[in-house]
Amino acid sequence: MTSCPCGQAGAGAMLQAIAGEINPSGKLAESYPLKYEDVSSAPYFPAKQRTAEYREGLYVGYRYHETANVPVLFPFGFGLSYTAFAYSDLKVTDKEAIFTLTNTGSVDGAEVAQLYVSKKNAQVFRPAKELKGFAKVFLKAGESKTVTIPLDDKAFRYFNVKTNRFEVEGGEYQVMIGASAADIKLTGTVSVKGTDAPNPYVKRILADYYSGQIKAVPDVEFANRITLKFEIGGHAKWLMT
């Protein structure tokens, strides 16, 4: 026997969605793996000793699945609807992304459009894509709207353990608009001015973190990451982007 955690009116709301009386528009705030072993922390948790080691670093949830190309049952940002949406006409700057969203079906509905940022050939290790904004847009059947998602000062930054502050790696970034982390509809490129901070990492001693293949991080590589963090005095901040 199972129970529904959605409250007193949850069953009625669920019935309305199933019967088509309302058009659902929610999106998943997590990834649903095919099996527990596909989770980035699976080799390290539950801990086999007294303490648990966070060897996965930045690579949690979709950040891991998208970087390491691990299939999932349902991706981060996924959702169902009784209508369909088309994305077009993307224009990007380092301040915003503007595009057109159209309800191409016969039912009114809302779509949660998501903005991800990616840097190819990054010198600082980072996930393949990172969510940096979203917009929920209600559209009547056949209606189109121009959607703007701003890019703030956090969109391109990372925490640098050498300078002990947030920095920006300069260069070209991909700005991606999608219906989920795995369903990218539009892609644009923008050039971003960096802060010219020194790269805090050495690729040859953090090879698994650069590739995102962190399911078997060797002891020496994990030690190198931890030693670097505490030598610089960055505490746990360097795990943030």
C-alpha atoms as a PDB file:
ATOM      1  CA  MET A   1       0.000   0.000   0.000  1.00  0.00           C
ATOM      2  CA  THR A   2       1.363   3.432  -0.896  1.00  0.00           C
ATOM      3  CA  SER A   3       0.366   6.928   0.102  1.00  0.00           C
ATOM      4  CA  CYS A   4       0.292  10.137  -1.915  1.00  0.00           C
ATOM      5  CA  PRO A   5       2.481  12.918  -0.426  1.00  0.00           C
ATOM      6  CA  CYS A   6       0.619  15.681  -2.295  1.00  0.00           C
ATOM      7  CA  GLY A   7      -1.908  16.617   0.398  1.00  0.00           C
ATOM      8  CA  GLN A   8      -5.663  16.398   0.880  1.00  0.00           C
ATOM      9  CA  ALA A   9      -6.549  17.694  -2.589  1.00  0.00           C
ATOM     10  CA  GLY A  10      -3.758  15.787  -4.361  1.00  0.00           C
ATOM     11  CA  ALA A  11      -5.875  12.866  -5.539  1.00  0.00           C
ATOM     12  CA  GLY A  12      -8.483  15.164  -7.100  1.00  0.00           C
ATOM     13  CA  ALA A  13      -5.817  17.221  -8.842  1.00  0.00           C
ATOM     14  CA  MET A  14      -4.188  14.069 -10.191  1.00  0.00           C
ATOM     15  CA  LEU A  15      -7.530  12.827 -11.508  1.00  0.00           C
ATOM     16  CA  GLN A  16      -8.146  16.158 -13.286  1.00  0.00           C
ATOM     17  CA  ALA A  17      -4.755  15.915 -15.008  1.00  0.00           C
ATOM     18  CA  ILE A  18      -5.284  12.280 -16.046  1.00  0.00           C
ATOM     19  CA  ALA A  19      -8.793  13.044 -17.358  1.00  0.00           C
ATOM     20  CA  GLY A  20      -7.560  16.044 -19.310  1.00  0.00           C
ATOM     21  CA  GLU A  21      -9.602  18.591 -17.380  1.00  0.00           C
ATOM     22  CA  ILE A  22      -6.409  20.544 -16.744  1.00  0.00           C
ATOM     23  CA  ASN A  23      -3.162  20.662 -18.709  1.00  0.00           C
ATOM     24  CA  PRO A  24      -0.168  19.827 -16.458  1.00  0.00           C
ATOM     25  CA  SER A  25       2.893  22.043 -16.794  1.00  0.00           C
ATOM     26  CA  GLY A  26       5.282  20.958 -14.048  1.00  0.00           C
ATOM     27  CA  LYS A  27       8.894  19.995 -14.737  1.00  0.00           C
ATOM     28  CA  LEU A  28      11.181  17.680 -12.766  1.00  0.00           C
ATOM     29  CA  ALA A  29      13.626  19.360 -10.402  1.00  0.00           C
ATOM     30  CA  GLU A  30      15.820  16.250 -10.415  1.00  0.00           C
ATOM     31  CA  SER A  31      16.987  13.460 -12.705  1.00  0.00           C
ATOM     32  CA  TYR A  32      15.458   9.978 -12.455  1.00  0.00           C
ATOM     33  CA  PRO A  33      18.283   7.450 -12.975  1.00  0.00           C
ATOM     34  CA  LEU A  34      17.757   4.037 -14.503  1.00  0.00           C
ATOM     35  CA  LYS A  35      19.362   2.458 -11.429  1.00  0.00           C
ATOM     36  CA  TYR A  36      21.109   3.643  -8.283  1.00  0.00           C
ATOM     37  CA  GLU A  37      24.505   2.709  -9.698  1.00  0.00           C
ATOM     38  CA  ASP A  38      23.999   5.487 -12.292  1.00  0.00           C
ATOM     39  CA  VAL A  39      24.077   8.146  -9.556  1.00  0.00           C
ATOM     40  CA  SER A  40      27.428   9.930  -9.293  1.00  0.00           C
ATOM     41  CA  SER A  41      27.729   9.380  -5.535  1.00  0.00           C
ATOM     42  CA  ALA A  42      26.841   5.671  -5.674  1.00  0.00           C
ATOM     43  CA  PRO A  43      30.443   4.390  -5.244  1.00  0.00           C
ATOM     44  CA  TYR A  44      30.973   6.648  -2.235  1.00  0.00           C
ATOM     45  CA  PHE A  45      27.642   6.507  -0.382  1.00  0.00           C
ATOM     46  CA  PRO A  46      26.708   4.794   1.847  1.00  0.00           C
ATOM     47  CA  ALA A  47      30.223   5.141   3.202  1.00  0.00           C
ATOM     48  CA  LYS A  48      32.217   1.979   3.734  1.00  0.00           C
ATOM     49  CA  GLN A  49      34.161   3.578   6.566  1.00  0.00           C
ATOM     50  CA  ARG A  50      33.422   6.153   9.261  1.00  0.00           C
ATOM     51  CA  THR A  51      33.093   9.153   6.967  1.00  0.00           C
ATOM     52  CA  ALA A  52      31.554   9.714   3.532  1.00  0.00           C
ATOM     53  CA  GLU A  53      33.756  11.265   0.851  1.00  0.00           C
ATOM     54  CA  TYR A  54      32.256  13.680  -1.630  1.00  0.00           C
ATOM     55  CA  ARG A  55      34.465  12.548  -4.490  1.00  0.00           C
ATOM     56  CA  GLU A  56      31.838  13.518  -7.096  1.00  0.00           C
ATOM     57  CA  GLY A  57      32.541  17.244  -6.561  1.00  0.00           C
ATOM     58  CA  LEU A  58      30.506  19.380  -8.975  1.00  0.00           C
ATOM     59  CA  TYR A  59      29.081  16.386 -10.786  1.00  0.00           C
ATOM     60  CA  VAL A  60      25.723  15.893  -9.093  1.00  0.00           C
ATOM     61  CA  GLY A  61      22.437  15.096 -10.864  1.00  0.00           C
ATOM     62  CA  TYR A  62      22.136  16.343 -14.449  1.00  0.00           C
ATOM     63  CA  ARG A  63      25.604  17.907 -14.229  1.00  0.00           C
ATOM     64  CA  TYR A  64      27.005  14.391 -13.993  1.00  0.00           C
ATOM     65  CA  HIS A  65      24.627  12.623 -16.388  1.00  0.00           C
ATOM     66  CA  GLU A  66      25.084  15.206 -19.145  1.00  0.00           C
ATOM     67  CA  THR A  67      28.878  15.385 -18.758  1.00  0.00           C
ATOM     68  CA  ALA A  68      29.535  11.658 -18.504  1.00  0.00           C
ATOM     69  CA  ASN A  69      26.793  10.744 -21.046  1.00  0.00           C
ATOM     70  CA  VAL A  70      24.961   8.483 -18.605  1.00  0.00           C
ATOM     71  CA  PRO A  71      21.378   7.659 -19.773  1.00  0.00           C
ATOM     72  CA  VAL A  72      18.518   8.394 -17.381  1.00  0.00           C
ATOM     73  CA  LEU A  73      14.884   7.362 -17.136  1.00  0.00           C
ATOM     74  CA  PHE A  74      13.680  10.982 -16.996  1.00  0.00           C
ATOM     75  CA  PRO A  75      16.068  13.947 -17.313  1.00  0.00           C
ATOM     76  CA  PHE A  76      16.188  17.053 -15.159  1.00  0.00           C
ATOM     77  CA  GLY A  77      13.579  19.554 -16.362  1.00  0.00           C
ATOM     78  CA  PHE A  78      11.383  16.916 -18.037  1.00  0.00           C
ATOM     79  CA  GLY A  79       7.594  17.291 -18.041  1.00  0.00           C
ATOM     80  CA  LEU A  80       4.472  16.204 -19.904  1.00  0.00           C
ATOM     81  CA  SER A  81       1.725  18.265 -21.518  1.00  0.00           C
ATOM     82  CA  TYR A  82      -1.385  17.768 -23.618  1.00  0.00           C
ATOM     83  CA  THR A  83      -0.024  20.270 -26.107  1.00  0.00           C
ATOM     84  CA  ALA A  84       3.318  20.859 -27.863  1.00  0.00           C
ATOM     85  CA  PHE A  85       5.655  23.829 -28.029  1.00  0.00           C
ATOM     86  CA  ALA A  86       8.026  25.082 -30.723  1.00  0.00           C
ATOM     87  CA  TYR A  87      11.129  27.174 -30.050  1.00  0.00           C
ATOM     88  CA  SER A  88      12.583  29.557 -32.648  1.00  0.00           C
ATOM     89  CA  ASP A  89      14.508  32.774 -33.407  1.00  0.00           C
ATOM     90  CA  LEU A  90      17.122  32.700 -30.668  1.00  0.00           C
ATOM     91  CA  LYS A  91      19.215  35.840 -30.090  1.00  0.00           C
ATOM     92  CA  VAL A  92      21.829  35.880 -27.323  1.00  0.00           C
ATOM     93  CA  THR A  93      24.141  38.392 -25.663  1.00  0.00           C
ATOM     94  CA  ASP A  94      26.106  38.139 -22.435  1.00  0.00           C
ATOM     95  CA  LYS A  95      23.132  39.822 -20.726  1.00  0.00           C
ATOM     96  CA  GLU A  96      20.115  37.895 -22.028  1.00  0.00           C
ATOM     97  CA  ALA A  97      18.633  35.287 -24.332  1.00  0.00           C
ATOM     98  CA  ILE A  98      15.564  36.176 -26.422  1.00  0.00           C
ATOM     99  CA  PHE A  99      13.536  33.635 -28.411  1.00  0.00           C
ATOM    100  CA  THR A 100      10.038  32.878 -29.664  1.00  0.00           C
ATOM    101  CA  LEU A 101       7.881  30.212 -28.022  1.00  0.00           C
ATOM    102  CA  THR A 102       4.774  28.905 -29.833  1.00  0.00           C
ATOM    103  CA  ASN A 103       1.999  26.606 -28.660  1.00  0.00           C
ATOM    104  CA  THR A 104       1.591  24.413 -31.743  1.00  0.00           C
ATOM    105  CA  GLY A 105      -1.147  22.205 -30.292  1.00  0.00           C
ATOM    106  CA  SER A 106      -4.897  22.556 -29.845  1.00  0.00           C
ATOM    107  CA  VAL A 107      -4.913  22.942 -26.049  1.00  0.00           C
ATOM    108  CA  ASP A 108      -3.949  25.942 -23.918  1.00  0.00           C
ATOM    109  CA  GLY A 109      -0.907  25.257 -21.755  1.00  0.00           C
ATOM    110  CA  ALA A 110       2.257  26.465 -20.052  1.00  0.00           C
ATOM    111  CA  GLU A 111       5.856  25.598 -20.861  1.00  0.00           C
ATOM    112  CA  VAL A 112       8.916  25.957 -18.634  1.00  0.00           C
ATOM    113  CA  ALA A 113      11.737  26.964 -20.984  1.00  0.00           C
ATOM    114  CA  GLN A 114      15.201  26.430 -19.512  1.00  0.00           C
ATOM    115  CA  LEU A 115      18.497  28.187 -20.216  1.00  0.00           C
ATOM    116  CA  TYR A 116      21.768  26.278 -19.939  1.00  0.00           C
ATOM    117  CA  VAL A 117      25.332  27.560 -20.361  1.00  0.00           C
ATOM    118  CA  SER A 118      28.276  25.525 -21.645  1.00  0.00           C
ATOM    119  CA  LYS A 119      31.922  26.305 -22.364  1.00  0.00           C
ATOM    120  CA  LYS A 120      33.721  24.171 -24.889  1.00  0.00           C
ATOM    121  CA  ASN A 121      37.415  23.512 -24.252  1.00  0.00           C
ATOM    122  CA  ALA A 122      37.224  25.151 -20.838  1.00  0.00           C
ATOM    123  CA  GLN A 123      40.525  25.487 -19.012  1.00  0.00           C
ATOM    124  CA  VAL A 124      38.737  25.247 -15.660  1.00  0.00           C
ATOM    125  CA  PHE A 125      36.902  21.926 -15.200  1.00  0.00           C
ATOM    126  CA  ARG A 126      33.122  22.279 -15.176  1.00  0.00           C
ATOM    127  CA  PRO A 127      29.972  20.334 -16.146  1.00  0.00           C
ATOM    128  CA  ALA A 128      28.978  20.015 -19.812  1.00  0.00           C
ATOM    129  CA  LYS A 129      25.992  22.292 -19.160  1.00  0.00           C
ATOM    130  CA  GLU A 130      24.675  24.295 -16.228  1.00  0.00           C
ATOM    131  CA  LEU A 131      21.186  25.666 -15.656  1.00  0.00           C
ATOM    132  CA  LYS A 132      21.357  29.460 -15.410  1.00  0.00           C
ATOM    133  CA  GLY A 133      17.745  30.555 -15.838  1.00  0.00           C
ATOM    134  CA  PHE A 134      14.211  29.582 -16.815  1.00  0.00           C
ATOM    135  CA  ALA A 135      10.839  31.096 -17.682  1.00  0.00           C
ATOM    136  CA  LYS A 136       7.349  29.644 -17.313  1.00  0.00           C
ATOM    137  CA  VAL A 137       5.153  30.900 -20.160  1.00  0.00           C
ATOM    138  CA  PHE A 138       1.403  30.361 -20.590  1.00  0.00           C
ATOM    139  CA  LEU A 139       0.201  30.206 -24.190  1.00  0.00           C
ATOM    140  CA  LYS A 140      -3.225  29.708 -25.685  1.00  0.00           C
ATOM    141  CA  ALA A 141      -3.486  27.173 -28.516  1.00  0.00           C
ATOM    142  CA  GLY A 142      -1.701  28.593 -31.555  1.00  0.00           C
ATOM    143  CA  GLU A 143      -0.294  31.592 -29.650  1.00  0.00           C
ATOM    144  CA  SER A 144       3.324  32.794 -29.839  1.00  0.00           C
ATOM    145  CA  LYS A 145       5.251  34.968 -27.395  1.00  0.00           C
ATOM    146  CA  THR A 146       8.695  36.508 -27.272  1.00  0.00           C
ATOM    147  CA  VAL A 147      10.497  35.216 -24.201  1.00  0.00           C
ATOM    148  CA  THR A 148      13.468  36.862 -22.498  1.00  0.00           C
ATOM    149  CA  ILE A 149      15.641  35.065 -19.949  1.00  0.00           C
ATOM    150  CA  PRO A 150      18.271  37.330 -18.349  1.00  0.00           C
ATOM    151  CA  LEU A 151      21.866  36.308 -17.764  1.00  0.00           C
ATOM    152  CA  ASP A 152      23.140  37.825 -14.516  1.00  0.00           C
ATOM    153  CA  ASP A 153      26.622  38.113 -13.004  1.00  0.00           C
ATOM    154  CA  LYS A 154      26.439  34.470 -11.885  1.00  0.00           C
ATOM    155  CA  ALA A 155      25.866  33.012 -15.351  1.00  0.00           C
ATOM    156  CA  PHE A 156      29.501  32.461 -16.352  1.00  0.00           C
ATOM    157  CA  ARG A 157      31.424  32.546 -13.084  1.00  0.00           C
ATOM    158  CA  TYR A 158      33.196  29.868 -11.072  1.00  0.00           C
ATOM    159  CA  PHE A 159      34.925  29.950  -7.685  1.00  0.00           C
ATOM    160  CA  ASN A 160      38.698  30.237  -8.027  1.00  0.00           C
ATOM    161  CA  VAL A 161      40.594  28.680  -5.118  1.00  0.00           C
ATOM    162  CA  LYS A 162      43.757  30.643  -5.940  1.00  0.00           C
ATOM    163  CA  THR A 163      42.178  34.086  -5.810  1.00  0.00           C
ATOM    164  CA  ASN A 164      39.570  33.018  -3.199  1.00  0.00           C
ATOM    165  CA  ARG A 165      36.753  34.694  -5.117  1.00  0.00           C
ATOM    166  CA  PHE A 166      34.421  34.188  -8.063  1.00  0.00           C
ATOM    167  CA  GLU A 167      36.056  34.655 -11.474  1.00  0.00           C
ATOM    168  CA  VAL A 168      35.009  34.391 -15.124  1.00  0.00           C
ATOM    169  CA  GLU A 169      36.926  32.378 -17.699  1.00  0.00           C
ATOM    170  CA  GLY A 170      36.878  34.432 -20.884  1.00  0.00           C
ATOM    171  CA  GLY A 171      36.025  33.084 -24.322  1.00  0.00           C
ATOM    172  CA  GLU A 172      33.077  31.678 -26.236  1.00  0.00           C
ATOM    173  CA  TYR A 173      30.154  30.117 -24.432  1.00  0.00           C
ATOM    174  CA  GLN A 174      27.166  28.221 -25.763  1.00  0.00           C
ATOM    175  CA  VAL A 175      23.795  29.446 -24.548  1.00  0.00           C
ATOM    176  CA  MET A 176      21.217  26.677 -24.904  1.00  0.00           C
ATOM    177  CA  ILE A 177      17.440  26.861 -24.596  1.00  0.00           C
ATOM    178  CA  GLY A 178      15.643  23.599 -23.934  1.00  0.00           C
ATOM    179  CA  ALA A 179      12.572  21.806 -22.641  1.00  0.00           C
ATOM    180  CA  SER A 180      14.831  19.743 -20.360  1.00  0.00           C
ATOM    181  CA  ALA A 181      18.532  19.194 -19.773  1.00  0.00           C
ATOM    182  CA  ALA A 182      18.471  16.467 -22.428  1.00  0.00           C
ATOM    183  CA  ASP A 183      16.127  18.227 -24.891  1.00  0.00           C
ATOM    184  CA  ILE A 184      17.917  21.307 -26.194  1.00  0.00           C
ATOM    185  CA  LYS A 185      15.896  23.197 -28.809  1.00  0.00           C
ATOM    186  CA  LEU A 186      18.061  26.228 -29.637  1.00  0.00           C
ATOM    187  CA  THR A 187      21.762  27.032 -29.310  1.00  0.00           C
ATOM    188  CA  GLY A 188      23.587  30.335 -29.653  1.00  0.00           C
ATOM    189  CA  THR A 189      27.148  31.488 -29.045  1.00  0.00           C
ATOM    190  CA  VAL A 190      28.313  34.494 -27.077  1.00  0.00           C
ATOM    191  CA  SER A 191      31.770  35.884 -26.360  1.00  0.00           C
ATOM    192  CA  VAL A 192      32.369  36.699 -22.707  1.00  0.00           C
ATOM    193  CA  LYS A 193      35.141  38.847 -21.286  1.00  0.00           C
ATOM    194  CA  GLY A 194      37.057  37.078 -18.546  1.00  0.00           C
ATOM    195  CA  THR A 195      38.702  38.312 -15.368  1.00  0.00           C
ATOM    196  CA  ASP A 196      42.092  36.862 -16.397  1.00  0.00           C
ATOM    197  CA  ALA A 197      42.495  34.947 -13.154  1.00  0.00           C
ATOM    198  CA  PRO A 198      45.106  32.145 -13.046  1.00  0.00           C
ATOM    199  CA  ASN A 199      43.752  28.639 -13.614  1.00  0.00           C
ATOM    200  CA  PRO A 200      43.655  27.055 -10.147  1.00  0.00           C
ATOM    201  CA  TYR A 201      43.744  23.468 -11.420  1.00  0.00           C
ATOM    202  CA  VAL A 202      46.318  21.190 -13.018  1.00  0.00           C
ATOM    203  CA  LYS A 203      44.640  18.968 -15.595  1.00  0.00           C
ATOM    204  CA  ARG A 204      47.073  16.071 -15.358  1.00  0.00           C
ATOM    205  CA  ILE A 205      46.461  15.577 -11.634  1.00  0.00           C
ATOM    206  CA  LEU A 206      42.674  16.072 -11.861  1.00  0.00           C
ATOM    207  CA  ALA A 207      42.002  14.141 -15.084  1.00  0.00           C
ATOM    208  CA  ASP A 208      38.767  12.501 -13.901  1.00  0.00           C
ATOM    209  CA  TYR A 209      37.294  15.833 -12.830  1.00  0.00           C
ATOM    210  CA  TYR A 210      38.068  17.310 -16.235  1.00  0.00           C
ATOM    211  CA  SER A 211      36.360  14.391 -18.007  1.00  0.00           C
ATOM    212  CA  GLY A 212      33.441  14.104 -15.587  1.00  0.00           C
ATOM    213  CA  GLN A 213      34.094  10.364 -15.242  1.00  0.00           C
ATOM    214  CA  ILE A 214      34.161  10.472 -11.458  1.00  0.00           C
ATOM    215  CA  LYS A 215      32.789   7.039 -10.556  1.00  0.00           C
ATOM    216  CA  ALA A 216      36.277   5.735  -9.726  1.00  0.00           C
ATOM    217  CA  VAL A 217      38.353   8.722  -8.629  1.00  0.00           C
ATOM    218  CA  PRO A 218      41.709   7.373  -7.351  1.00  0.00           C
ATOM    219  CA  ASP A 219      42.775   8.186  -3.804  1.00  0.00           C
ATOM    220  CA  VAL A 220      45.686  10.295  -5.025  1.00  0.00           C
ATOM    221  CA  GLU A 221      43.472  12.424  -7.291  1.00  0.00           C
ATOM    222  CA  PHE A 222      40.921  13.020  -4.541  1.00  0.00           C
ATOM    223  CA  ALA A 223      43.771  13.918  -2.202  1.00  0.00           C
ATOM    224  CA  ASN A 224      45.126  16.378  -4.777  1.00  0.00           C
ATOM    225  CA  ARG A 225      41.728  18.082  -5.004  1.00  0.00           C
ATOM    226  CA  ILE A 226      41.310  18.302  -1.232  1.00  0.00           C
ATOM    227  CA  THR A 227      44.898  19.454  -0.679  1.00  0.00           C
ATOM    228  CA  LEU A 228      44.516  22.196  -3.265  1.00  0.00           C
ATOM    229  CA  LYS A 229      41.290  23.376  -1.670  1.00  0.00           C
ATOM    230  CA  PHE A 230      42.722  23.684   1.829  1.00  0.00           C
ATOM    231  CA  GLU A 231      46.141  25.015   0.812  1.00  0.00           C
ATOM    232  CA  ILE A 232      44.406  27.964  -0.839  1.00  0.00           C
ATOM    233  CA  GLY A 233      41.918  28.393   1.994  1.00  0.00           C
ATOM    234  CA  GLY A 234      38.879  28.122  -0.273  1.00  0.00           C
ATOM    235  CA  HIS A 235      36.909  25.967   2.184  1.00  0.00           C
ATOM    236  CA  ALA A 236      33.939  24.370   0.349  1.00  0.00           C
ATOM    237  CA  LYS A 237      33.276  27.423  -1.816  1.00  0.00           C
ATOM    238  CA  TRP A 238      35.099  26.029  -4.810  1.00  0.00           C
ATOM    239  CA  LEU A 239      32.310  23.499  -5.304  1.00  0.00           C
ATOM    240  CA  MET A 240      29.944  26.338  -6.223  1.00  0.00           C
ATOM    241  CA  THR A 241      29.350  27.884  -9.646  1.00  0.00           C
END
